[in-house]
Amino acid sequence: MSFQRILGQDQPKRIIQNALVNNSVSHAYLFYGQESIGKKLTAVEFAKALNCEVSGPKDNCGDCPSCRKIDQGIHPDFFLLEPEKSSPAGRNAFIKVEEVRELQKKLAYLPYEAKIKVVIIDGAETMNPQAANTLLKTLEEPPSSTILILISANPYQLLPTIISRCQGVKFHLLSADLVKQILRQTDQIEAEGFSEKELDLRALRSMGRISRAMEEDFEATNKYREEILNLLEQASFKRMDVVFKWTKQWAKRSDKIQSVLDEMLNLLRDLAVIKSQGKNTEILNRDILHRLKPLAAQKSARTLLAMFDSALQTKSALMANANLQLSLDHMLIQFCEAA
């Protein structure tokens, strides 16, 4: 593979290739943007170009021994740190200080066979405080012949001192057309034999992220959508029984609540588009237009926007570990006020 085979992300690729051609590669980079839009793939291609024995440093051939070893994760001068759960039952994955310290020991030596050692830290924001401070020392005094690439979907969670020592490269969400094009190249999609209609729907609902397009469970999605639409139809102070039944149900499903809130935001967005007489092509859930149009006719634009704002605030609060039951109750009380 080479940079040309990375679909989309033209600006990040241009920044990286200009640095390679002009011999102005920074000692540390921060690739940031939404999940599953090509950050890690680009970082790996960057590492291959830096050490390619045929096409480097402008690009990589993907076929020389160095490129193949990096692809297989067995190159002695290529290091990939990723978050890991402390136990199979653990909820969150982290990068621990022990892993960063072990990395520092390996970086103290000159490259074994590569021109440049390359470190990719995926999910850099998941480093615990000790790990982050340990990495900061490496960034302050970078080892020779070494480049570090931090990858983050939530760069605001990183230490400002870490961000300041990296060259930032922003990655953007992919268009639905690009998502569909990438999906067609994946073995999973080919094996499952998705129809053209389902490919269109997956690309449209992906919000520019490949993993969402590939992994979405449409059976679960349809269930979520039906429950949310029923809730939006009935939410009022006269039907508090419906409201509290919904919050009680989802307060026990903390593992799924972010997905449900994402679905709610998408539906409220679509309802607002319909209310403003937008084009059908702008609607993410166009497969259920027959359900959306009557509901949009019942609600005012002001009501829909108030509900969207409340759902968005609830999602942010829960990401900051707010109480789930209280947050959902508060959100739906605001829905009733808006209705």
Protein backbone atom coordinates (compact mmCIF):
# COMPACT_ATOMS: atom_id res chain seq x y z
CA MET A 1 0.00 0.00 0.00
CA SER A 2 1.08 3.62 -0.48
CA PHE A 3 -0.32 7.04 0.37
CA GLN A 4 -2.24 7.05 -2.92
CA ARG A 5 -4.31 4.10 -1.74
CA ILE A 6 -5.54 5.97 1.35
CA LEU A 7 -8.88 7.34 0.20
CA GLY A 8 -9.68 10.84 1.36
CA GLN A 9 -7.56 12.77 3.89
CA ASP A 10 -5.80 14.70 1.11
CA GLN A 11 -4.61 17.48 3.41
CA PRO A 12 -2.96 15.18 6.01
CA LYS A 13 -1.29 13.21 3.23
CA ARG A 14 -0.02 16.42 1.63
CA ILE A 15 1.43 17.64 4.95
CA ILE A 16 3.24 14.35 5.52
CA GLN A 17 4.55 13.97 1.98
CA ASN A 18 5.81 17.56 1.89
CA ALA A 19 7.71 16.90 5.11
CA LEU A 20 9.20 13.71 3.64
CA VAL A 21 10.23 15.35 0.36
CA ASN A 22 11.68 18.44 2.05
CA ASN A 23 13.45 16.45 4.78
CA SER A 24 11.55 18.44 7.42
CA VAL A 25 9.91 15.61 9.36
CA SER A 26 9.08 16.59 12.94
CA HIS A 27 10.21 14.45 15.86
CA ALA A 28 6.62 14.10 17.08
CA TYR A 29 3.14 14.29 15.51
CA LEU A 30 -0.40 14.31 16.83
CA PHE A 31 -2.91 12.85 14.38
CA TYR A 32 -6.34 13.85 15.65
CA GLY A 33 -9.92 13.54 14.46
CA GLN A 34 -12.94 11.25 14.82
CA GLU A 35 -12.56 7.49 15.27
CA SER A 36 -12.03 5.25 12.24
CA ILE A 37 -11.29 7.82 9.54
CA GLY A 38 -7.78 6.73 8.57
CA LYS A 39 -5.45 8.15 11.24
CA LYS A 40 -3.79 4.87 12.20
CA LEU A 41 -3.58 3.65 8.61
CA THR A 42 -1.88 6.90 7.57
CA ALA A 43 0.55 6.64 10.50
CA VAL A 44 1.55 3.13 9.42
CA GLU A 45 2.03 4.25 5.80
CA PHE A 46 4.16 7.14 7.12
CA ALA A 47 6.33 4.69 9.09
CA LYS A 48 6.76 2.54 6.00
CA ALA A 49 7.74 5.51 3.82
CA LEU A 50 10.38 6.60 6.34
CA ASN A 51 12.06 3.22 6.07
CA CYS A 52 11.09 1.89 2.63
CA GLU A 53 14.04 0.34 0.80
CA VAL A 54 12.57 1.04 -2.65
CA SER A 55 10.33 4.11 -2.77
CA GLY A 56 11.31 5.96 0.41
CA PRO A 57 11.20 8.55 1.65
CA LYS A 58 8.59 10.06 -0.71
CA ASP A 59 6.32 7.02 -0.46
CA ASN A 60 6.47 3.31 0.25
CA CYS A 61 6.37 0.29 -2.02
CA GLY A 62 4.53 -1.95 0.43
CA ASP A 63 6.54 -4.95 -0.75
CA CYS A 64 10.14 -4.60 0.41
CA PRO A 65 11.25 -6.44 3.59
CA SER A 66 10.94 -3.30 5.70
CA CYS A 67 7.40 -2.51 4.49
CA ARG A 68 6.26 -6.10 4.98
CA LYS A 69 7.68 -6.30 8.50
CA ILE A 70 5.92 -3.08 9.52
CA ASP A 71 2.64 -4.34 8.05
CA GLN A 72 3.02 -7.57 10.02
CA GLY A 73 4.02 -5.74 13.21
CA ILE A 74 7.36 -7.58 13.50
CA HIS A 75 9.82 -4.84 12.55
CA PRO A 76 12.33 -4.41 15.43
CA ASP A 77 12.30 -0.61 15.02
CA PHE A 78 8.52 -0.16 14.75
CA PHE A 79 6.50 0.12 17.96
CA LEU A 80 2.72 0.27 18.36
CA LEU A 81 1.11 1.03 21.73
CA GLU A 82 -2.64 0.59 22.05
CA PRO A 83 -5.04 0.77 25.02
CA GLU A 84 -5.67 -2.51 26.80
CA LYS A 85 -8.20 -3.51 29.44
CA SER A 86 -6.80 -4.44 32.82
CA SER A 87 -9.11 -7.49 32.86
CA PRO A 88 -11.57 -9.14 30.45
CA ALA A 89 -14.44 -7.73 32.50
CA GLY A 90 -12.98 -4.21 32.59
CA ARG A 91 -15.05 -1.39 31.11
CA ASN A 92 -12.25 0.87 29.90
CA ALA A 93 -8.90 0.31 28.22
CA PHE A 94 -5.78 2.28 29.10
CA ILE A 95 -2.13 2.70 28.18
CA LYS A 96 -0.19 2.11 31.39
CA VAL A 97 3.00 3.70 32.63
CA GLU A 98 4.81 0.34 32.54
CA GLU A 99 4.29 0.15 28.78
CA VAL A 100 5.69 3.66 28.26
CA ARG A 101 8.71 2.92 30.45
CA GLU A 102 9.40 -0.28 28.51
CA LEU A 103 9.16 1.74 25.30
CA GLN A 104 11.69 4.26 26.63
CA LYS A 105 14.20 1.47 27.25
CA LYS A 106 13.87 0.29 23.65
CA LEU A 107 14.24 3.81 22.27
CA ALA A 108 17.52 4.31 24.14
CA TYR A 109 19.29 2.14 21.54
CA LEU A 110 20.11 2.99 17.94
CA PRO A 111 17.88 1.43 15.25
CA TYR A 112 18.63 -2.24 14.59
CA GLU A 113 17.94 -2.23 10.86
CA ALA A 114 15.76 0.78 10.03
CA LYS A 115 16.80 4.32 9.20
CA ILE A 116 14.39 5.72 11.77
CA LYS A 117 12.57 4.18 14.71
CA VAL A 118 8.85 4.90 14.57
CA VAL A 119 6.48 4.81 17.54
CA ILE A 120 2.71 4.93 17.05
CA ILE A 121 0.61 5.50 20.18
CA ASP A 122 -3.00 4.83 19.26
CA GLY A 123 -5.62 6.18 21.66
CA ALA A 124 -3.01 8.46 23.24
CA GLU A 125 -5.66 10.13 25.42
CA THR A 126 -6.11 6.83 27.31
CA MET A 127 -2.67 7.10 28.93
CA ASN A 128 -3.03 7.29 32.68
CA PRO A 129 -1.44 10.38 34.34
CA GLN A 130 1.80 8.55 35.16
CA ALA A 131 2.11 7.27 31.60
CA ALA A 132 1.42 10.71 30.14
CA ASN A 133 4.05 12.37 32.32
CA THR A 134 6.57 9.66 31.48
CA LEU A 135 5.95 10.15 27.76
CA LEU A 136 6.33 13.89 28.23
CA LYS A 137 9.94 13.37 29.27
CA THR A 138 10.57 11.52 26.00
CA LEU A 139 9.00 14.35 24.01
CA GLU A 140 11.07 16.94 25.86
CA GLU A 141 14.30 15.06 25.08
CA PRO A 142 13.48 13.02 21.97
CA PRO A 143 15.85 10.12 21.22
CA SER A 144 17.89 10.39 18.04
CA SER A 145 16.60 8.74 14.86
CA THR A 146 13.13 8.39 16.38
CA ILE A 147 9.71 9.74 15.40
CA LEU A 148 6.64 9.49 17.63
CA ILE A 149 3.11 9.61 16.22
CA LEU A 150 0.31 10.08 18.74
CA ILE A 151 -3.21 9.28 17.56
CA SER A 152 -6.26 10.66 19.35
CA ALA A 153 -9.99 11.04 18.81
CA ASN A 154 -10.15 13.24 21.94
CA PRO A 155 -7.05 15.44 21.93
CA TYR A 156 -8.54 17.78 24.57
CA GLN A 157 -7.96 14.95 27.07
CA LEU A 158 -4.20 15.07 26.49
CA LEU A 159 -1.86 17.16 28.60
CA PRO A 160 -1.38 20.61 27.01
CA THR A 161 2.37 20.13 27.41
CA ILE A 162 2.19 16.98 25.27
CA ILE A 163 0.12 18.72 22.58
CA SER A 164 2.54 21.65 22.45
CA ARG A 165 5.45 19.34 21.68
CA CYS A 166 3.76 17.65 18.71
CA GLN A 167 2.94 18.88 15.24
CA GLY A 168 -0.82 18.59 14.93
CA VAL A 169 -2.36 17.04 11.82
CA LYS A 170 -6.15 17.14 11.67
CA PHE A 171 -8.10 14.35 9.98
CA HIS A 172 -11.62 14.94 8.67
CA LEU A 173 -14.73 12.78 8.42
CA LEU A 174 -15.07 10.91 5.14
CA SER A 175 -17.84 11.58 2.65
CA ALA A 176 -20.55 8.95 2.19
CA ASP A 177 -19.23 8.24 -1.31
CA LEU A 178 -15.72 7.57 0.03
CA VAL A 179 -17.08 5.37 2.82
CA LYS A 180 -18.99 3.33 0.27
CA GLN A 181 -15.90 3.03 -1.93
CA ILE A 182 -13.83 1.80 1.01
CA LEU A 183 -16.53 -0.64 2.08
CA ARG A 184 -16.48 -2.27 -1.33
CA GLN A 185 -12.79 -3.05 -0.85
CA THR A 186 -13.23 -4.86 2.47
CA ASP A 187 -13.36 -8.63 2.69
CA GLN A 188 -16.11 -8.53 5.33
CA ILE A 189 -18.54 -6.65 3.10
CA GLU A 190 -17.79 -8.95 0.17
CA ALA A 191 -18.25 -12.05 2.32
CA GLU A 192 -21.58 -10.91 3.73
CA GLY A 193 -22.86 -9.94 0.30
CA PHE A 194 -24.56 -6.66 1.19
CA SER A 195 -26.95 -5.31 -1.40
CA GLU A 196 -26.35 -1.94 -3.06
CA LYS A 197 -29.22 -0.51 -1.02
CA GLU A 198 -27.68 -1.64 2.26
CA LEU A 199 -24.25 -0.32 1.23
CA ASP A 200 -25.85 3.05 0.52
CA LEU A 201 -27.58 3.06 3.89
CA ARG A 202 -24.48 1.99 5.79
CA ALA A 203 -22.37 4.68 4.09
CA LEU A 204 -25.01 7.32 4.73
CA ARG A 205 -25.42 6.45 8.42
CA SER A 206 -21.69 6.04 9.03
CA MET A 207 -21.22 9.75 9.80
CA GLY A 208 -17.93 9.50 7.91
CA ARG A 209 -16.51 6.62 10.00
CA ILE A 210 -15.59 3.26 8.50
CA SER A 211 -16.00 1.18 11.67
CA ARG A 212 -19.54 2.47 12.17
CA ALA A 213 -20.44 1.56 8.58
CA MET A 214 -19.02 -1.96 8.91
CA GLU A 215 -20.11 -2.84 12.42
CA GLU A 216 -23.60 -1.38 12.67
CA ASP A 217 -26.15 -3.96 13.77
CA PHE A 218 -29.27 -2.98 11.87
CA GLU A 219 -31.48 -5.22 13.99
CA ALA A 220 -30.44 -3.31 17.11
CA THR A 221 -30.59 -0.01 15.24
CA ASN A 222 -34.16 -0.60 14.14
CA LYS A 223 -35.14 -1.43 17.73
CA TYR A 224 -33.47 1.73 19.08
CA ARG A 225 -35.07 3.90 16.43
CA GLU A 226 -38.56 2.56 17.06
CA GLU A 227 -38.23 3.06 20.82
CA ILE A 228 -36.89 6.59 20.41
CA LEU A 229 -39.57 7.62 17.92
CA ASN A 230 -42.28 6.29 20.25
CA LEU A 231 -40.70 8.26 23.09
CA LEU A 232 -40.51 11.48 21.04
CA GLU A 233 -44.14 11.06 20.00
CA GLN A 234 -45.39 10.62 23.57
CA ALA A 235 -43.00 12.77 25.63
CA SER A 236 -45.17 15.19 27.62
CA PHE A 237 -46.09 15.89 31.22
CA LYS A 238 -49.29 13.94 30.62
CA ARG A 239 -47.31 10.78 29.83
CA MET A 240 -44.65 10.79 32.53
CA ASP A 241 -45.25 7.04 32.90
CA VAL A 242 -43.72 6.56 29.43
CA VAL A 243 -40.86 8.92 30.23
CA PHE A 244 -39.80 7.29 33.49
CA LYS A 245 -40.23 3.78 32.10
CA TRP A 246 -37.72 4.66 29.36
CA THR A 247 -35.18 6.20 31.74
CA LYS A 248 -35.48 3.27 34.16
CA GLN A 249 -34.84 0.84 31.30
CA TRP A 250 -31.77 2.61 29.92
CA ALA A 251 -30.27 3.52 33.29
CA LYS A 252 -29.43 -0.20 33.53
CA ARG A 253 -27.74 -0.24 30.10
CA SER A 254 -24.78 2.06 30.56
CA ASP A 255 -22.80 0.08 27.98
CA LYS A 256 -25.28 1.01 25.23
CA ILE A 257 -26.51 4.45 26.25
CA GLN A 258 -24.02 6.41 24.13
CA SER A 259 -25.15 4.49 21.03
CA VAL A 260 -28.79 5.20 21.90
CA LEU A 261 -28.08 8.91 22.37
CA ASP A 262 -26.23 9.00 19.05
CA GLU A 263 -29.30 7.46 17.42
CA MET A 264 -31.53 9.98 19.15
CA LEU A 265 -29.39 12.89 17.91
CA ASN A 266 -29.48 11.53 14.36
CA LEU A 267 -33.26 11.19 14.43
CA LEU A 268 -33.76 14.68 15.88
CA ARG A 269 -31.44 16.06 13.22
CA ASP A 270 -33.43 14.34 10.48
CA LEU A 271 -36.71 15.64 11.92
CA ALA A 272 -35.28 19.18 11.90
CA VAL A 273 -34.17 18.75 8.26
CA ILE A 274 -37.65 17.59 7.28
CA LYS A 275 -39.21 20.45 9.24
CA SER A 276 -37.05 22.96 7.37
CA GLN A 277 -38.08 21.32 4.08
CA GLY A 278 -34.58 20.04 3.37
CA LYS A 279 -33.83 17.54 0.64
CA ASN A 280 -34.39 13.84 1.23
CA THR A 281 -30.75 13.25 0.28
CA GLU A 282 -29.75 15.12 3.45
CA ILE A 283 -31.64 12.71 5.70
CA LEU A 284 -29.60 9.95 7.36
CA ASN A 285 -32.56 7.71 8.17
CA ARG A 286 -34.29 7.98 4.85
CA ASP A 287 -35.33 4.31 5.00
CA ILE A 288 -37.93 5.28 7.63
CA LEU A 289 -39.18 8.53 6.09
CA HIS A 290 -42.72 7.19 6.47
CA ARG A 291 -42.22 7.40 10.28
CA LEU A 292 -40.28 10.64 10.36
CA LYS A 293 -42.52 12.91 8.28
CA PRO A 294 -45.68 12.62 10.44
CA LEU A 295 -43.62 13.21 13.60
CA ALA A 296 -41.90 16.25 12.09
CA ALA A 297 -45.32 17.68 11.24
CA GLN A 298 -46.34 17.36 14.91
CA LYS A 299 -43.33 19.21 16.34
CA SER A 300 -42.23 22.80 15.98
CA ALA A 301 -38.70 23.60 14.86
CA ARG A 302 -38.11 25.20 18.25
CA THR A 303 -39.15 22.00 20.04
CA LEU A 304 -36.86 19.83 17.90
CA LEU A 305 -33.87 22.11 18.43
CA ALA A 306 -34.48 22.21 22.20
CA MET A 307 -34.63 18.41 22.31
CA PHE A 308 -31.47 18.10 20.22
CA ASP A 309 -29.62 20.51 22.52
CA SER A 310 -30.75 18.61 25.62
CA ALA A 311 -29.71 15.23 24.19
CA LEU A 312 -26.32 16.62 23.18
CA GLN A 313 -25.73 18.07 26.66
CA THR A 314 -26.71 14.74 28.22
CA LYS A 315 -24.28 12.86 26.01
CA SER A 316 -21.45 15.21 27.03
CA ALA A 317 -22.38 14.96 30.71
CA LEU A 318 -22.33 11.17 30.62
CA MET A 319 -18.93 11.17 28.92
CA ALA A 320 -17.77 13.16 31.97
CA ASN A 321 -19.19 10.41 34.26
CA ALA A 322 -22.39 12.17 35.34
CA ASN A 323 -25.03 10.04 37.07
CA LEU A 324 -26.85 8.10 34.35
CA GLN A 325 -30.33 7.91 35.90
CA LEU A 326 -30.41 11.58 36.90
CA SER A 327 -29.05 12.72 33.54
CA LEU A 328 -31.68 10.80 31.58
CA ASP A 329 -34.48 12.01 33.88
CA HIS A 330 -33.33 15.60 33.44
CA MET A 331 -33.11 15.23 29.66
CA LEU A 332 -36.62 13.86 29.33
CA ILE A 333 -38.11 16.46 31.65
CA GLN A 334 -36.61 19.04 29.29
CA PHE A 335 -38.20 17.12 26.39
CA CYS A 336 -41.58 17.42 28.13
CA GLU A 337 -41.06 21.15 28.66
CA ALA A 338 -40.12 21.62 25.01
CA ALA A 339 -43.11 19.59 23.80
